């Protein structure tokens, strides 16, 4: 499913570009496999935040 949204980027910018997971949208190239547990965050995460997510999964 593809959904067009406007989001705030990691550095505070705004983007109306589509988000593609497993492909780039510009070609027919795409991931051959499964993607599980996708998460999108409002900005960049610190090393500590990433580690906490990894340790709690």
PDB file of N, CA and C in Angstrom:
ATOM      1  N   UNK A   1       0.843  -1.163   0.000  1.00  0.00           N
ATOM      2  CA  UNK A   1       0.000   0.000   0.000  1.00  0.00           C
ATOM      3  C   UNK A   1       0.894   1.233   0.000  1.00  0.00           C
ATOM      4  N   UNK A   2       0.581   2.198  -0.789  1.00  0.00           N
ATOM      5  CA  UNK A   2       1.335   3.440  -0.864  1.00  0.00           C
ATOM      6  C   UNK A   2       0.440   4.577  -0.427  1.00  0.00           C
ATOM      7  N   UNK A   3       0.960   5.408   0.443  1.00  0.00           N
ATOM      8  CA  UNK A   3       0.163   6.517   0.951  1.00  0.00           C
ATOM      9  C   UNK A   3       0.996   7.786   0.879  1.00  0.00           C
ATOM     10  N   UNK A   4       0.463   8.833   0.311  1.00  0.00           N
ATOM     11  CA  UNK A   4       1.157  10.116   0.204  1.00  0.00           C
ATOM     12  C   UNK A   4       0.934  10.924   1.472  1.00  0.00           C
ATOM     13  N   UNK A   5       2.001  11.326   2.115  1.00  0.00           N
ATOM     14  CA  UNK A   5       1.889  12.154   3.311  1.00  0.00           C
ATOM     15  C   UNK A   5       2.955  13.229   3.283  1.00  0.00           C
ATOM     16  N   UNK A   6       2.782  14.226   4.087  1.00  0.00           N
ATOM     17  CA  UNK A   6       3.800  15.254   4.271  1.00  0.00           C
ATOM     18  C   UNK A   6       4.398  15.028   5.641  1.00  0.00           C
ATOM     19  N   UNK A   7       5.721  14.938   5.703  1.00  0.00           N
ATOM     20  CA  UNK A   7       6.361  14.608   6.972  1.00  0.00           C
ATOM     21  C   UNK A   7       7.513  15.553   7.256  1.00  0.00           C
ATOM     22  N   UNK A   8       7.875  15.632   8.510  1.00  0.00           N
ATOM     23  CA  UNK A   8       9.031  16.414   8.921  1.00  0.00           C
ATOM     24  C   UNK A   8      10.258  15.527   8.854  1.00  0.00           C
ATOM     25  N   UNK A   9      11.314  16.006   8.212  1.00  0.00           N
ATOM     26  CA  UNK A   9      12.551  15.250   8.089  1.00  0.00           C
ATOM     27  C   UNK A   9      13.376  15.298   9.359  1.00  0.00           C
ATOM     28  N   UNK A  10      14.457  14.527   9.381  1.00  0.00           N
ATOM     29  CA  UNK A  10      15.305  14.410  10.572  1.00  0.00           C
ATOM     30  C   UNK A  10      15.944  15.733  10.958  1.00  0.00           C
ATOM     31  N   UNK A  11      16.113  16.635  10.014  1.00  0.00           N
ATOM     32  CA  UNK A  11      16.733  17.920  10.329  1.00  0.00           C
ATOM     33  C   UNK A  11      15.703  19.042  10.368  1.00  0.00           C
ATOM     34  N   UNK A  12      14.451  18.698  10.428  1.00  0.00           N
ATOM     35  CA  UNK A  12      13.396  19.700  10.563  1.00  0.00           C
ATOM     36  C   UNK A  12      12.798  20.179   9.258  1.00  0.00           C
ATOM     37  N   UNK A  13      13.259  19.666   8.136  1.00  0.00           N
ATOM     38  CA  UNK A  13      12.691  20.053   6.855  1.00  0.00           C
ATOM     39  C   UNK A  13      11.379  19.327   6.595  1.00  0.00           C
ATOM     40  N   UNK A  14      10.631  19.797   5.619  1.00  0.00           N
ATOM     41  CA  UNK A  14       9.356  19.181   5.264  1.00  0.00           C
ATOM     42  C   UNK A  14       9.501  18.568   3.883  1.00  0.00           C
ATOM     43  N   UNK A  15       8.945  17.377   3.713  1.00  0.00           N
ATOM     44  CA  UNK A  15       9.026  16.683   2.437  1.00  0.00           C
ATOM     45  C   UNK A  15       7.662  16.162   2.033  1.00  0.00           C
ATOM     46  N   UNK A  16       7.320  16.345   0.771  1.00  0.00           N
ATOM     47  CA  UNK A  16       6.090  15.778   0.231  1.00  0.00           C
ATOM     48  C   UNK A  16       6.406  14.568  -0.634  1.00  0.00           C
ATOM     49  N   UNK A  17       7.649  14.071  -0.564  1.00  0.00           N
ATOM     50  CA  UNK A  17       8.070  12.915  -1.342  1.00  0.00           C
ATOM     51  C   UNK A  17       7.500  11.641  -0.744  1.00  0.00           C
ATOM     52  N   UNK A  18       7.235  10.684  -1.598  1.00  0.00           N
ATOM     53  CA  UNK A  18       6.753   9.384  -1.145  1.00  0.00           C
ATOM     54  C   UNK A  18       7.864   8.629  -0.441  1.00  0.00           C
ATOM     55  N   UNK A  19       7.493   7.807   0.507  1.00  0.00           N
ATOM     56  CA  UNK A  19       8.439   6.954   1.215  1.00  0.00           C
ATOM     57  C   UNK A  19       8.303   5.544   0.650  1.00  0.00           C
ATOM     58  N   UNK A  20       9.397   4.998   0.173  1.00  0.00           N
ATOM     59  CA  UNK A  20       9.401   3.644  -0.358  1.00  0.00           C
ATOM     60  C   UNK A  20      10.235   2.764   0.558  1.00  0.00           C
ATOM     61  N   UNK A  21       9.702   1.626   0.931  1.00  0.00           N
ATOM     62  CA  UNK A  21      10.427   0.659   1.747  1.00  0.00           C
ATOM     63  C   UNK A  21      10.640  -0.573   0.890  1.00  0.00           C
ATOM     64  N   UNK A  22      11.905  -0.906   0.621  1.00  0.00           N
ATOM     65  CA  UNK A  22      12.225  -2.063  -0.193  1.00  0.00           C
ATOM     66  C   UNK A  22      12.360  -1.759  -1.669  1.00  0.00           C
ATOM     67  N   UNK A  23      12.279  -0.503  -2.047  1.00  0.00           N
ATOM     68  CA  UNK A  23      12.445  -0.093  -3.433  1.00  0.00           C
ATOM     69  C   UNK A  23      12.687   1.391  -3.493  1.00  0.00           C
ATOM     70  N   UNK A  24      12.983   1.897  -4.692  1.00  0.00           N
ATOM     71  CA  UNK A  24      13.262   3.318  -4.786  1.00  0.00           C
ATOM     72  C   UNK A  24      12.211   4.107  -5.556  1.00  0.00           C
ATOM     73  N   UNK A  25      11.235   3.450  -6.120  1.00  0.00           N
ATOM     74  CA  UNK A  25      10.152   4.139  -6.811  1.00  0.00           C
ATOM     75  C   UNK A  25      10.521   4.644  -8.189  1.00  0.00           C
ATOM     76  N   UNK A  26      11.827   4.725  -8.494  1.00  0.00           N
ATOM     77  CA  UNK A  26      12.256   5.245  -9.793  1.00  0.00           C
ATOM     78  C   UNK A  26      12.468   4.145 -10.822  1.00  0.00           C
ATOM     79  N   UNK A  27      12.484   2.910 -10.384  1.00  0.00           N
ATOM     80  CA  UNK A  27      12.696   1.796 -11.305  1.00  0.00           C
ATOM     81  C   UNK A  27      11.912   0.585 -10.821  1.00  0.00           C
ATOM     82  N   UNK A  28      12.026  -0.478 -11.567  1.00  0.00           N
ATOM     83  CA  UNK A  28      11.352  -1.714 -11.185  1.00  0.00           C
ATOM     84  C   UNK A  28      12.165  -2.521 -10.175  1.00  0.00           C
ATOM     85  N   UNK A  29      13.349  -2.023  -9.804  1.00  0.00           N
ATOM     86  CA  UNK A  29      14.196  -2.731  -8.844  1.00  0.00           C
ATOM     87  C   UNK A  29      13.547  -2.674  -7.458  1.00  0.00           C
ATOM     88  N   UNK A  30      13.515  -3.805  -6.799  1.00  0.00           N
ATOM     89  CA  UNK A  30      12.957  -3.854  -5.459  1.00  0.00           C
ATOM     90  C   UNK A  30      13.563  -5.025  -4.689  1.00  0.00           C
ATOM     91  N   UNK A  31      13.367  -5.011  -3.404  1.00  0.00           N
ATOM     92  CA  UNK A  31      13.890  -6.061  -2.533  1.00  0.00           C
ATOM     93  C   UNK A  31      13.174  -7.371  -2.819  1.00  0.00           C
ATOM     94  N   UNK A  32      13.946  -8.418  -2.942  1.00  0.00           N
ATOM     95  CA  UNK A  32      13.377  -9.760  -3.099  1.00  0.00           C
ATOM     96  C   UNK A  32      13.468 -10.444  -1.743  1.00  0.00           C
ATOM     97  N   UNK A  33      12.434 -10.332  -0.952  1.00  0.00           N
ATOM     98  CA  UNK A  33      12.431 -10.917   0.378  1.00  0.00           C
ATOM     99  C   UNK A  33      11.352 -10.274   1.224  1.00  0.00           C
ATOM    100  N   UNK A  34      11.465 -10.452   2.510  1.00  0.00           N
ATOM    101  CA  UNK A  34      10.474  -9.921   3.440  1.00  0.00           C
ATOM    102  C   UNK A  34      11.055  -8.788   4.272  1.00  0.00           C
ATOM    103  N   UNK A  35      10.228  -7.835   4.596  1.00  0.00           N
ATOM    104  CA  UNK A  35      10.585  -6.761   5.523  1.00  0.00           C
ATOM    105  C   UNK A  35       9.601  -6.855   6.671  1.00  0.00           C
ATOM    106  N   UNK A  36      10.124  -6.889   7.889  1.00  0.00           N
ATOM    107  CA  UNK A  36       9.294  -7.088   9.064  1.00  0.00           C
ATOM    108  C   UNK A  36       9.542  -5.960  10.059  1.00  0.00           C
ATOM    109  N   UNK A  37       8.516  -5.531  10.735  1.00  0.00           N
ATOM    110  CA  UNK A  37       8.594  -4.551  11.814  1.00  0.00           C
ATOM    111  C   UNK A  37       9.192  -3.213  11.365  1.00  0.00           C
ATOM    112  N   UNK A  38       8.584  -2.590  10.388  1.00  0.00           N
ATOM    113  CA  UNK A  38       9.025  -1.283   9.897  1.00  0.00           C
ATOM    114  C   UNK A  38       8.546  -0.201  10.843  1.00  0.00           C
ATOM    115  N   UNK A  39       9.447   0.722  11.171  1.00  0.00           N
ATOM    116  CA  UNK A  39       9.104   1.869  12.021  1.00  0.00           C
ATOM    117  C   UNK A  39       9.644   3.136  11.382  1.00  0.00           C
ATOM    118  N   UNK A  40       8.884   4.205  11.481  1.00  0.00           N
ATOM    119  CA  UNK A  40       9.307   5.505  10.973  1.00  0.00           C
ATOM    120  C   UNK A  40       9.269   6.475  12.139  1.00  0.00           C
ATOM    121  N   UNK A  41      10.374   7.173  12.349  1.00  0.00           N
ATOM    122  CA  UNK A  41      10.494   8.097  13.472  1.00  0.00           C
ATOM    123  C   UNK A  41      10.537   9.532  12.964  1.00  0.00           C
ATOM    124  N   UNK A  42      10.195  10.466  13.816  1.00  0.00           N
ATOM    125  CA  UNK A  42      10.097  11.874  13.441  1.00  0.00           C
ATOM    126  C   UNK A  42      11.443  12.542  13.235  1.00  0.00           C
ATOM    127  N   UNK A  43      12.520  11.936  13.681  1.00  0.00           N
ATOM    128  CA  UNK A  43      13.834  12.553  13.514  1.00  0.00           C
ATOM    129  C   UNK A  43      14.940  11.565  13.772  1.00  0.00           C
ATOM    130  N   UNK A  44      16.154  12.067  13.709  1.00  0.00           N
ATOM    131  CA  UNK A  44      17.319  11.228  13.958  1.00  0.00           C
ATOM    132  C   UNK A  44      17.337  10.789  15.417  1.00  0.00           C
ATOM    133  N   UNK A  45      17.831   9.580  15.640  1.00  0.00           N
ATOM    134  CA  UNK A  45      17.905   9.045  16.997  1.00  0.00           C
ATOM    135  C   UNK A  45      19.356   9.006  17.453  1.00  0.00           C
ATOM    136  N   UNK A  46      19.554   9.171  18.733  1.00  0.00           N
ATOM    137  CA  UNK A  46      20.893   9.082  19.294  1.00  0.00           C
ATOM    138  C   UNK A  46      21.322   7.613  19.347  1.00  0.00           C
ATOM    139  N   UNK A  47      22.611   7.381  19.548  1.00  0.00           N
ATOM    140  CA  UNK A  47      23.106   6.009  19.696  1.00  0.00           C
ATOM    141  C   UNK A  47      22.406   5.306  20.851  1.00  0.00           C
ATOM    142  N   UNK A  48      22.183   6.014  21.922  1.00  0.00           N
ATOM    143  CA  UNK A  48      21.535   5.443  23.112  1.00  0.00           C
ATOM    144  C   UNK A  48      20.095   5.022  22.799  1.00  0.00           C
ATOM    145  N   UNK A  49      19.368   5.849  22.046  1.00  0.00           N
ATOM    146  CA  UNK A  49      17.979   5.515  21.687  1.00  0.00           C
ATOM    147  C   UNK A  49      17.926   4.281  20.787  1.00  0.00           C
ATOM    148  N   UNK A  50      18.840   4.203  19.835  1.00  0.00           N
ATOM    149  CA  UNK A  50      18.889   3.044  18.941  1.00  0.00           C
ATOM    150  C   UNK A  50      19.207   1.790  19.736  1.00  0.00           C
ATOM    151  N   UNK A  51      20.173   1.883  20.619  1.00  0.00           N
ATOM    152  CA  UNK A  51      20.562   0.737  21.448  1.00  0.00           C
ATOM    153  C   UNK A  51      19.399   0.258  22.305  1.00  0.00           C
ATOM    154  N   UNK A  52      18.644   1.196  22.891  1.00  0.00           N
ATOM    155  CA  UNK A  52      17.490   0.843  23.731  1.00  0.00           C
ATOM    156  C   UNK A  52      16.438   0.104  22.911  1.00  0.00           C
ATOM    157  N   UNK A  53      16.180   0.538  21.696  1.00  0.00           N
ATOM    158  CA  UNK A  53      15.225  -0.157  20.831  1.00  0.00           C
ATOM    159  C   UNK A  53      15.735  -1.560  20.505  1.00  0.00           C
ATOM    160  N   UNK A  54      16.999  -1.669  20.186  1.00  0.00           N
ATOM    161  CA  UNK A  54      17.585  -2.964  19.846  1.00  0.00           C
ATOM    162  C   UNK A  54      17.534  -3.918  21.046  1.00  0.00           C
ATOM    163  N   UNK A  55      17.903  -3.437  22.205  1.00  0.00           N
ATOM    164  CA  UNK A  55      17.929  -4.279  23.404  1.00  0.00           C
ATOM    165  C   UNK A  55      16.537  -4.727  23.847  1.00  0.00           C
ATOM    166  N   UNK A  56      15.512  -3.920  23.542  1.00  0.00           N
ATOM    167  CA  UNK A  56      14.148  -4.238  23.984  1.00  0.00           C
ATOM    168  C   UNK A  56      13.342  -4.996  22.924  1.00  0.00           C
ATOM    169  N   UNK A  57      13.974  -5.367  21.826  1.00  0.00           N
ATOM    170  CA  UNK A  57      13.227  -6.087  20.780  1.00  0.00           C
ATOM    171  C   UNK A  57      13.403  -7.577  20.892  1.00  0.00           C
TER     172      UNK A  57
END
